[in-house]
Amino acid sequence: MAETAMVMVFCYDVESDRRRRRVSALLEEWGVRVQKSVFEARLTDRQARALMARAAKELGPRDTLRMYALSAHGLARSASVGGAPLPEQRDFWVL
């Protein structure tokens, strides 16, 4: 059975410019930047945990990285004004 993807929110606070660039580049591979240090991605739990683990390897001792899962109920109650749209629930991207 295929895992269900849901919207995951990643946010970080990284002191070093070099580490910050590496973390943001990794998150940009999977998600959409919605603010300078906040990304949204539609991922399965397995994908999200793997991405979190990969990004965590880039962190220094005083850096932080957080991941939040939005359920369908939470997503329906969410709102945004301006910026990038939430990732579509699809297996492809239209460019």
PDB file of N, CA and C in Angstrom:
ATOM      1  N   MET A   1       0.844  -1.177   0.000  1.00  0.00           N
ATOM      2  CA  MET A   1       0.000   0.000   0.000  1.00  0.00           C
ATOM      3  C   MET A   1       0.891   1.244   0.000  1.00  0.00           C
ATOM      4  N   ALA A   2       0.560   2.200  -0.808  1.00  0.00           N
ATOM      5  CA  ALA A   2       1.347   3.434  -0.908  1.00  0.00           C
ATOM      6  C   ALA A   2       1.082   4.325   0.301  1.00  0.00           C
ATOM      7  N   GLU A   3       2.143   4.960   0.740  1.00  0.00           N
ATOM      8  CA  GLU A   3       1.993   5.902   1.839  1.00  0.00           C
ATOM      9  C   GLU A   3       1.319   7.171   1.344  1.00  0.00           C
ATOM     10  N   THR A   4       0.569   7.816   2.222  1.00  0.00           N
ATOM     11  CA  THR A   4      -0.090   9.064   1.886  1.00  0.00           C
ATOM     12  C   THR A   4       0.846  10.228   2.160  1.00  0.00           C
ATOM     13  N   ALA A   5       0.955  11.115   1.191  1.00  0.00           N
ATOM     14  CA  ALA A   5       1.776  12.309   1.376  1.00  0.00           C
ATOM     15  C   ALA A   5       0.942  13.384   2.055  1.00  0.00           C
ATOM     16  N   MET A   6       1.591  14.179   2.878  1.00  0.00           N
ATOM     17  CA  MET A   6       0.920  15.318   3.497  1.00  0.00           C
ATOM     18  C   MET A   6       1.876  16.501   3.506  1.00  0.00           C
ATOM     19  N   VAL A   7       1.356  17.657   3.787  1.00  0.00           N
ATOM     20  CA  VAL A   7       2.193  18.849   3.786  1.00  0.00           C
ATOM     21  C   VAL A   7       3.037  18.871   5.050  1.00  0.00           C
ATOM     22  N   MET A   8       4.334  18.983   4.848  1.00  0.00           N
ATOM     23  CA  MET A   8       5.287  19.076   5.953  1.00  0.00           C
ATOM     24  C   MET A   8       5.901  20.473   5.912  1.00  0.00           C
ATOM     25  N   VAL A   9       6.046  21.075   7.053  1.00  0.00           N
ATOM     26  CA  VAL A   9       6.652  22.399   7.161  1.00  0.00           C
ATOM     27  C   VAL A   9       7.994  22.237   7.862  1.00  0.00           C
ATOM     28  N   PHE A  10       9.047  22.745   7.236  1.00  0.00           N
ATOM     29  CA  PHE A  10      10.392  22.719   7.797  1.00  0.00           C
ATOM     30  C   PHE A  10      10.819  24.152   8.063  1.00  0.00           C
ATOM     31  N   CYS A  11      11.360  24.414   9.233  1.00  0.00           N
ATOM     32  CA  CYS A  11      11.895  25.737   9.525  1.00  0.00           C
ATOM     33  C   CYS A  11      13.202  25.562  10.297  1.00  0.00           C
ATOM     34  N   TYR A  12      14.109  26.497  10.067  1.00  0.00           N
ATOM     35  CA  TYR A  12      15.424  26.354  10.672  1.00  0.00           C
ATOM     36  C   TYR A  12      15.979  27.702  11.104  1.00  0.00           C
ATOM     37  N   ASP A  13      16.943  27.618  11.991  1.00  0.00           N
ATOM     38  CA  ASP A  13      17.735  28.764  12.422  1.00  0.00           C
ATOM     39  C   ASP A  13      19.172  28.262  12.454  1.00  0.00           C
ATOM     40  N   VAL A  14      19.955  28.664  11.469  1.00  0.00           N
ATOM     41  CA  VAL A  14      21.320  28.165  11.306  1.00  0.00           C
ATOM     42  C   VAL A  14      22.268  29.368  11.321  1.00  0.00           C
ATOM     43  N   GLU A  15      23.249  29.345  12.217  1.00  0.00           N
ATOM     44  CA  GLU A  15      24.156  30.477  12.395  1.00  0.00           C
ATOM     45  C   GLU A  15      25.107  30.691  11.218  1.00  0.00           C
ATOM     46  N   SER A  16      25.727  29.657  10.751  1.00  0.00           N
ATOM     47  CA  SER A  16      26.758  29.746   9.725  1.00  0.00           C
ATOM     48  C   SER A  16      26.132  29.889   8.331  1.00  0.00           C
ATOM     49  N   ASP A  17      26.633  30.866   7.556  1.00  0.00           N
ATOM     50  CA  ASP A  17      26.140  31.040   6.185  1.00  0.00           C
ATOM     51  C   ASP A  17      26.337  29.775   5.368  1.00  0.00           C
ATOM     52  N   ARG A  18      27.481  29.138   5.511  1.00  0.00           N
ATOM     53  CA  ARG A  18      27.794  27.925   4.740  1.00  0.00           C
ATOM     54  C   ARG A  18      26.830  26.791   5.072  1.00  0.00           C
ATOM     55  N   ARG A  19      26.620  26.530   6.359  1.00  0.00           N
ATOM     56  CA  ARG A  19      25.688  25.467   6.767  1.00  0.00           C
ATOM     57  C   ARG A  19      24.260  25.823   6.349  1.00  0.00           C
ATOM     58  N   ARG A  20      23.893  27.094   6.490  1.00  0.00           N
ATOM     59  CA  ARG A  20      22.556  27.542   6.113  1.00  0.00           C
ATOM     60  C   ARG A  20      22.302  27.302   4.626  1.00  0.00           C
ATOM     61  N   ARG A  21      23.288  27.603   3.784  1.00  0.00           N
ATOM     62  CA  ARG A  21      23.142  27.364   2.347  1.00  0.00           C
ATOM     63  C   ARG A  21      22.959  25.876   2.045  1.00  0.00           C
ATOM     64  N   ARG A  22      23.696  25.029   2.750  1.00  0.00           N
ATOM     65  CA  ARG A  22      23.572  23.586   2.521  1.00  0.00           C
ATOM     66  C   ARG A  22      22.196  23.071   2.944  1.00  0.00           C
ATOM     67  N   VAL A  23      21.709  23.540   4.092  1.00  0.00           N
ATOM     68  CA  VAL A  23      20.391  23.111   4.564  1.00  0.00           C
ATOM     69  C   VAL A  23      19.305  23.610   3.611  1.00  0.00           C
ATOM     70  N   SER A  24      19.366  24.873   3.224  1.00  0.00           N
ATOM     71  CA  SER A  24      18.328  25.406   2.339  1.00  0.00           C
ATOM     72  C   SER A  24      18.371  24.734   0.966  1.00  0.00           C
ATOM     73  N   ALA A  25      19.550  24.439   0.441  1.00  0.00           N
ATOM     74  CA  ALA A  25      19.647  23.751  -0.855  1.00  0.00           C
ATOM     75  C   ALA A  25      19.005  22.369  -0.781  1.00  0.00           C
ATOM     76  N   LEU A  26      19.224  21.678   0.309  1.00  0.00           N
ATOM     77  CA  LEU A  26      18.637  20.359   0.490  1.00  0.00           C
ATOM     78  C   LEU A  26      17.110  20.455   0.562  1.00  0.00           C
ATOM     79  N   LEU A  27      16.604  21.402   1.324  1.00  0.00           N
ATOM     80  CA  LEU A  27      15.155  21.561   1.442  1.00  0.00           C
ATOM     81  C   LEU A  27      14.526  22.018   0.133  1.00  0.00           C
ATOM     82  N   GLU A  28      15.243  22.822  -0.642  1.00  0.00           N
ATOM     83  CA  GLU A  28      14.727  23.285  -1.938  1.00  0.00           C
ATOM     84  C   GLU A  28      14.587  22.143  -2.942  1.00  0.00           C
ATOM     85  N   GLU A  29      15.341  21.067  -2.755  1.00  0.00           N
ATOM     86  CA  GLU A  29      15.205  19.906  -3.639  1.00  0.00           C
ATOM     87  C   GLU A  29      13.833  19.257  -3.483  1.00  0.00           C
ATOM     88  N   TRP A  30      13.227  19.382  -2.317  1.00  0.00           N
ATOM     89  CA  TRP A  30      11.989  18.675  -2.010  1.00  0.00           C
ATOM     90  C   TRP A  30      10.790  19.579  -1.804  1.00  0.00           C
ATOM     91  N   GLY A  31      11.026  20.847  -1.498  1.00  0.00           N
ATOM     92  CA  GLY A  31       9.907  21.698  -1.135  1.00  0.00           C
ATOM     93  C   GLY A  31       9.959  23.075  -1.757  1.00  0.00           C
ATOM     94  N   VAL A  32       9.048  23.902  -1.295  1.00  0.00           N
ATOM     95  CA  VAL A  32       8.904  25.274  -1.763  1.00  0.00           C
ATOM     96  C   VAL A  32       9.257  26.202  -0.606  1.00  0.00           C
ATOM     97  N   ARG A  33      10.144  27.167  -0.881  1.00  0.00           N
ATOM     98  CA  ARG A  33      10.486  28.146   0.147  1.00  0.00           C
ATOM     99  C   ARG A  33       9.315  29.130   0.259  1.00  0.00           C
ATOM    100  N   VAL A  34       8.775  29.265   1.468  1.00  0.00           N
ATOM    101  CA  VAL A  34       7.669  30.198   1.678  1.00  0.00           C
ATOM    102  C   VAL A  34       8.099  31.424   2.478  1.00  0.00           C
ATOM    103  N   GLN A  35       9.206  31.326   3.168  1.00  0.00           N
ATOM    104  CA  GLN A  35       9.866  32.445   3.820  1.00  0.00           C
ATOM    105  C   GLN A  35      11.351  32.115   3.825  1.00  0.00           C
ATOM    106  N   LYS A  36      12.178  33.035   4.293  1.00  0.00           N
ATOM    107  CA  LYS A  36      13.622  32.826   4.206  1.00  0.00           C
ATOM    108  C   LYS A  36      14.083  31.510   4.811  1.00  0.00           C
ATOM    109  N   SER A  37      13.522  31.127   5.929  1.00  0.00           N
ATOM    110  CA  SER A  37      13.962  29.884   6.570  1.00  0.00           C
ATOM    111  C   SER A  37      12.807  28.912   6.802  1.00  0.00           C
ATOM    112  N   VAL A  38      11.772  29.004   5.970  1.00  0.00           N
ATOM    113  CA  VAL A  38      10.603  28.130   6.101  1.00  0.00           C
ATOM    114  C   VAL A  38      10.280  27.514   4.745  1.00  0.00           C
ATOM    115  N   PHE A  39      10.116  26.191   4.738  1.00  0.00           N
ATOM    116  CA  PHE A  39       9.799  25.457   3.517  1.00  0.00           C
ATOM    117  C   PHE A  39       8.566  24.602   3.749  1.00  0.00           C
ATOM    118  N   GLU A  40       7.790  24.405   2.684  1.00  0.00           N
ATOM    119  CA  GLU A  40       6.662  23.488   2.718  1.00  0.00           C
ATOM    120  C   GLU A  40       6.885  22.441   1.640  1.00  0.00           C
ATOM    121  N   ALA A  41       6.581  21.202   1.964  1.00  0.00           N
ATOM    122  CA  ALA A  41       6.755  20.107   1.002  1.00  0.00           C
ATOM    123  C   ALA A  41       5.658  19.084   1.208  1.00  0.00           C
ATOM    124  N   ARG A  42       5.222  18.478   0.143  1.00  0.00           N
ATOM    125  CA  ARG A  42       4.246  17.396   0.235  1.00  0.00           C
ATOM    126  C   ARG A  42       5.028  16.087   0.170  1.00  0.00           C
ATOM    127  N   LEU A  43       5.129  15.408   1.326  1.00  0.00           N
ATOM    128  CA  LEU A  43       5.965  14.221   1.459  1.00  0.00           C
ATOM    129  C   LEU A  43       5.250  13.141   2.251  1.00  0.00           C
ATOM    130  N   THR A  44       5.696  11.911   2.058  1.00  0.00           N
ATOM    131  CA  THR A  44       5.238  10.836   2.937  1.00  0.00           C
ATOM    132  C   THR A  44       6.020  10.955   4.249  1.00  0.00           C
ATOM    133  N   ASP A  45       5.563  10.264   5.249  1.00  0.00           N
ATOM    134  CA  ASP A  45       6.266  10.284   6.541  1.00  0.00           C
ATOM    135  C   ASP A  45       7.698   9.796   6.369  1.00  0.00           C
ATOM    136  N   ARG A  46       7.884   8.748   5.604  1.00  0.00           N
ATOM    137  CA  ARG A  46       9.222   8.191   5.378  1.00  0.00           C
ATOM    138  C   ARG A  46      10.134   9.214   4.679  1.00  0.00           C
ATOM    139  N   GLN A  47       9.626   9.863   3.636  1.00  0.00           N
ATOM    140  CA  GLN A  47      10.412  10.877   2.933  1.00  0.00           C
ATOM    141  C   GLN A  47      10.766  12.040   3.852  1.00  0.00           C
ATOM    142  N   ALA A  48       9.792  12.488   4.640  1.00  0.00           N
ATOM    143  CA  ALA A  48      10.015  13.623   5.533  1.00  0.00           C
ATOM    144  C   ALA A  48      11.078  13.305   6.584  1.00  0.00           C
ATOM    145  N   ARG A  49      11.007  12.117   7.151  1.00  0.00           N
ATOM    146  CA  ARG A  49      11.996  11.748   8.172  1.00  0.00           C
ATOM    147  C   ARG A  49      13.391  11.577   7.566  1.00  0.00           C
ATOM    148  N   ALA A  50      13.456  11.067   6.344  1.00  0.00           N
ATOM    149  CA  ALA A  50      14.747  10.940   5.667  1.00  0.00           C
ATOM    150  C   ALA A  50      15.332  12.318   5.365  1.00  0.00           C
ATOM    151  N   LEU A  51      14.493  13.239   4.904  1.00  0.00           N
ATOM    152  CA  LEU A  51      14.949  14.599   4.630  1.00  0.00           C
ATOM    153  C   LEU A  51      15.394  15.285   5.914  1.00  0.00           C
ATOM    154  N   MET A  52      14.649  15.113   6.972  1.00  0.00           N
ATOM    155  CA  MET A  52      15.012  15.696   8.266  1.00  0.00           C
ATOM    156  C   MET A  52      16.366  15.159   8.731  1.00  0.00           C
ATOM    157  N   ALA A  53      16.586  13.871   8.586  1.00  0.00           N
ATOM    158  CA  ALA A  53      17.850  13.261   9.005  1.00  0.00           C
ATOM    159  C   ALA A  53      19.018  13.788   8.176  1.00  0.00           C
ATOM    160  N   ARG A  54      18.817  13.908   6.855  1.00  0.00           N
ATOM    161  CA  ARG A  54      19.884  14.437   5.985  1.00  0.00           C
ATOM    162  C   ARG A  54      20.208  15.888   6.335  1.00  0.00           C
ATOM    163  N   ALA A  55      19.173  16.692   6.548  1.00  0.00           N
ATOM    164  CA  ALA A  55      19.394  18.106   6.875  1.00  0.00           C
ATOM    165  C   ALA A  55      20.040  18.246   8.254  1.00  0.00           C
ATOM    166  N   ALA A  56      19.656  17.408   9.189  1.00  0.00           N
ATOM    167  CA  ALA A  56      20.205  17.480  10.549  1.00  0.00           C
ATOM    168  C   ALA A  56      21.709  17.251  10.571  1.00  0.00           C
ATOM    169  N   LYS A  57      22.215  16.471   9.617  1.00  0.00           N
ATOM    170  CA  LYS A  57      23.654  16.219   9.542  1.00  0.00           C
ATOM    171  C   LYS A  57      24.446  17.481   9.215  1.00  0.00           C
ATOM    172  N   GLU A  58      23.779  18.478   8.647  1.00  0.00           N
ATOM    173  CA  GLU A  58      24.445  19.733   8.272  1.00  0.00           C
ATOM    174  C   GLU A  58      24.477  20.761   9.403  1.00  0.00           C
ATOM    175  N   LEU A  59      23.794  20.487  10.493  1.00  0.00           N
ATOM    176  CA  LEU A  59      23.644  21.466  11.567  1.00  0.00           C
ATOM    177  C   LEU A  59      24.834  21.511  12.517  1.00  0.00           C
ATOM    178  N   GLY A  60      25.054  22.696  13.057  1.00  0.00           N
ATOM    179  CA  GLY A  60      26.046  22.879  14.100  1.00  0.00           C
ATOM    180  C   GLY A  60      25.388  22.719  15.460  1.00  0.00           C
ATOM    181  N   PRO A  61      26.166  22.799  16.540  1.00  0.00           N
ATOM    182  CA  PRO A  61      25.632  22.550  17.880  1.00  0.00           C
ATOM    183  C   PRO A  61      24.587  23.568  18.340  1.00  0.00           C
ATOM    184  N   ARG A  62      24.608  24.792  17.824  1.00  0.00           N
ATOM    185  CA  ARG A  62      23.634  25.811  18.257  1.00  0.00           C
ATOM    186  C   ARG A  62      22.525  26.043  17.235  1.00  0.00           C
ATOM    187  N   ASP A  63      22.514  25.269  16.154  1.00  0.00           N
ATOM    188  CA  ASP A  63      21.504  25.404  15.112  1.00  0.00           C
ATOM    189  C   ASP A  63      20.245  24.626  15.484  1.00  0.00           C
ATOM    190  N   THR A  64      19.120  25.005  14.878  1.00  0.00           N
ATOM    191  CA  THR A  64      17.869  24.281  15.093  1.00  0.00           C
ATOM    192  C   THR A  64      17.178  24.010  13.761  1.00  0.00           C
ATOM    193  N   LEU A  65      16.461  22.903  13.726  1.00  0.00           N
ATOM    194  CA  LEU A  65      15.658  22.519  12.578  1.00  0.00           C
ATOM    195  C   LEU A  65      14.396  21.878  13.127  1.00  0.00           C
ATOM    196  N   ARG A  66      13.253  22.330  12.633  1.00  0.00           N
ATOM    197  CA  ARG A  66      11.976  21.775  13.085  1.00  0.00           C
ATOM    198  C   ARG A  66      11.166  21.319  11.888  1.00  0.00           C
ATOM    199  N   MET A  67      10.360  20.287  12.107  1.00  0.00           N
ATOM    200  CA  MET A  67       9.482  19.757  11.078  1.00  0.00           C
ATOM    201  C   MET A  67       8.099  19.606  11.695  1.00  0.00           C
ATOM    202  N   TYR A  68       7.094  20.125  10.991  1.00  0.00           N
ATOM    203  CA  TYR A  68       5.709  20.019  11.446  1.00  0.00           C
ATOM    204  C   TYR A  68       4.883  19.369  10.345  1.00  0.00           C
ATOM    205  N   ALA A  69       4.005  18.449  10.721  1.00  0.00           N
ATOM    206  CA  ALA A  69       3.118  17.785   9.772  1.00  0.00           C
ATOM    207  C   ALA A  69       1.736  18.427   9.854  1.00  0.00           C
ATOM    208  N   LEU A  70       1.188  18.774   8.692  1.00  0.00           N
ATOM    209  CA  LEU A  70      -0.164  19.317   8.639  1.00  0.00           C
ATOM    210  C   LEU A  70      -1.124  18.215   8.203  1.00  0.00           C
ATOM    211  N   SER A  71      -2.051  17.885   9.051  1.00  0.00           N
ATOM    212  CA  SER A  71      -3.069  16.907   8.690  1.00  0.00           C
ATOM    213  C   SER A  71      -4.034  17.551   7.690  1.00  0.00           C
ATOM    214  N   ALA A  72      -4.880  16.748   7.090  1.00  0.00           N
ATOM    215  CA  ALA A  72      -5.877  17.290   6.148  1.00  0.00           C
ATOM    216  C   ALA A  72      -6.763  18.298   6.866  1.00  0.00           C
ATOM    217  N   HIS A  73      -7.104  18.017   8.118  1.00  0.00           N
ATOM    218  CA  HIS A  73      -7.939  18.943   8.898  1.00  0.00           C
ATOM    219  C   HIS A  73      -7.190  20.250   9.139  1.00  0.00           C
ATOM    220  N   GLY A  74      -5.922  20.148   9.536  1.00  0.00           N
ATOM    221  CA  GLY A  74      -5.124  21.351   9.767  1.00  0.00           C
ATOM    222  C   GLY A  74      -4.891  22.141   8.498  1.00  0.00           C
ATOM    223  N   LEU A  75      -4.665  21.448   7.398  1.00  0.00           N
ATOM    224  CA  LEU A  75      -4.450  22.111   6.121  1.00  0.00           C
ATOM    225  C   LEU A  75      -5.699  22.861   5.677  1.00  0.00           C
ATOM    226  N   ALA A  76      -6.864  22.254   5.882  1.00  0.00           N
ATOM    227  CA  ALA A  76      -8.120  22.909   5.509  1.00  0.00           C
ATOM    228  C   ALA A  76      -8.351  24.182   6.311  1.00  0.00           C
ATOM    229  N   ARG A  77      -7.800  24.256   7.507  1.00  0.00           N
ATOM    230  CA  ARG A  77      -7.964  25.431   8.365  1.00  0.00           C
ATOM    231  C   ARG A  77      -6.844  26.439   8.189  1.00  0.00           C
ATOM    232  N   SER A  78      -5.862  26.152   7.346  1.00  0.00           N
ATOM    233  CA  SER A  78      -4.716  27.029   7.132  1.00  0.00           C
ATOM    234  C   SER A  78      -5.044  28.095   6.099  1.00  0.00           C
ATOM    235  N   ALA A  79      -4.311  29.199   6.166  1.00  0.00           N
ATOM    236  CA  ALA A  79      -4.495  30.289   5.207  1.00  0.00           C
ATOM    237  C   ALA A  79      -3.163  30.955   4.961  1.00  0.00           C
ATOM    238  N   SER A  80      -3.029  31.596   3.810  1.00  0.00           N
ATOM    239  CA  SER A  80      -1.826  32.369   3.522  1.00  0.00           C
ATOM    240  C   SER A  80      -2.209  33.532   2.622  1.00  0.00           C
ATOM    241  N   VAL A  81      -1.412  34.573   2.674  1.00  0.00           N
ATOM    242  CA  VAL A  81      -1.586  35.730   1.821  1.00  0.00           C
ATOM    243  C   VAL A  81      -0.248  36.005   1.169  1.00  0.00           C
ATOM    244  N   GLY A  82      -0.205  35.979  -0.160  1.00  0.00           N
ATOM    245  CA  GLY A  82       1.040  36.226  -0.876  1.00  0.00           C
ATOM    246  C   GLY A  82       1.978  35.041  -0.807  1.00  0.00           C
ATOM    247  N   GLY A  83       3.088  35.164  -1.489  1.00  0.00           N
ATOM    248  CA  GLY A  83       4.121  34.139  -1.464  1.00  0.00           C
ATOM    249  C   GLY A  83       3.775  32.932  -2.301  1.00  0.00           C
ATOM    250  N   ALA A  84       4.580  31.908  -2.146  1.00  0.00           N
ATOM    251  CA  ALA A  84       4.431  30.674  -2.926  1.00  0.00           C
ATOM    252  C   ALA A  84       3.193  29.903  -2.473  1.00  0.00           C
ATOM    253  N   PRO A  85       2.510  29.246  -3.410  1.00  0.00           N
ATOM    254  CA  PRO A  85       1.360  28.416  -3.032  1.00  0.00           C
ATOM    255  C   PRO A  85       1.824  27.118  -2.380  1.00  0.00           C
ATOM    256  N   LEU A  86       0.926  26.474  -1.666  1.00  0.00           N
ATOM    257  CA  LEU A  86       1.231  25.168  -1.103  1.00  0.00           C
ATOM    258  C   LEU A  86       1.507  24.192  -2.227  1.00  0.00           C
ATOM    259  N   PRO A  87       2.408  23.243  -2.009  1.00  0.00           N
ATOM    260  CA  PRO A  87       2.687  22.242  -3.043  1.00  0.00           C
ATOM    261  C   PRO A  87       1.419  21.463  -3.388  1.00  0.00           C
ATOM    262  N   GLU A  88       1.221  21.229  -4.668  1.00  0.00           N
ATOM    263  CA  GLU A  88       0.061  20.468  -5.129  1.00  0.00           C
ATOM    264  C   GLU A  88       0.208  19.000  -4.756  1.00  0.00           C
ATOM    265  N   GLN A  89      -0.904  18.338  -4.581  1.00  0.00           N
ATOM    266  CA  GLN A  89      -0.890  16.907  -4.276  1.00  0.00           C
ATOM    267  C   GLN A  89      -0.895  16.140  -5.585  1.00  0.00           C
ATOM    268  N   ARG A  90       0.288  16.005  -6.189  1.00  0.00           N
ATOM    269  CA  ARG A  90       0.445  15.343  -7.473  1.00  0.00           C
ATOM    270  C   ARG A  90       1.795  14.639  -7.509  1.00  0.00           C
ATOM    271  N   ASP A  91       1.940  13.748  -8.463  1.00  0.00           N
ATOM    272  CA  ASP A  91       3.208  13.054  -8.659  1.00  0.00           C
ATOM    273  C   ASP A  91       4.108  13.760  -9.656  1.00  0.00           C
ATOM    274  N   PHE A  92       3.726  14.952 -10.103  1.00  0.00           N
ATOM    275  CA  PHE A  92       4.515  15.675 -11.094  1.00  0.00           C
ATOM    276  C   PHE A  92       4.407  17.177 -10.864  1.00  0.00           C
ATOM    277  N   TRP A  93       5.287  17.914 -11.492  1.00  0.00           N
ATOM    278  CA  TRP A  93       5.280  19.378 -11.457  1.00  0.00           C
ATOM    279  C   TRP A  93       5.118  19.879 -12.882  1.00  0.00           C
ATOM    280  N   VAL A  94       4.295  20.858 -13.087  1.00  0.00           N
ATOM    281  CA  VAL A  94       4.126  21.486 -14.389  1.00  0.00           C
ATOM    282  C   VAL A  94       5.027  22.706 -14.409  1.00  0.00           C
ATOM    283  N   LEU A  95       5.949  22.736 -15.362  1.00  0.00           N
ATOM    284  CA  LEU A  95       6.880  23.863 -15.465  1.00  0.00           C
ATOM    285  C   LEU A  95       6.556  24.732 -16.642  1.00  0.00           C
TER     286      LEU A  95
END
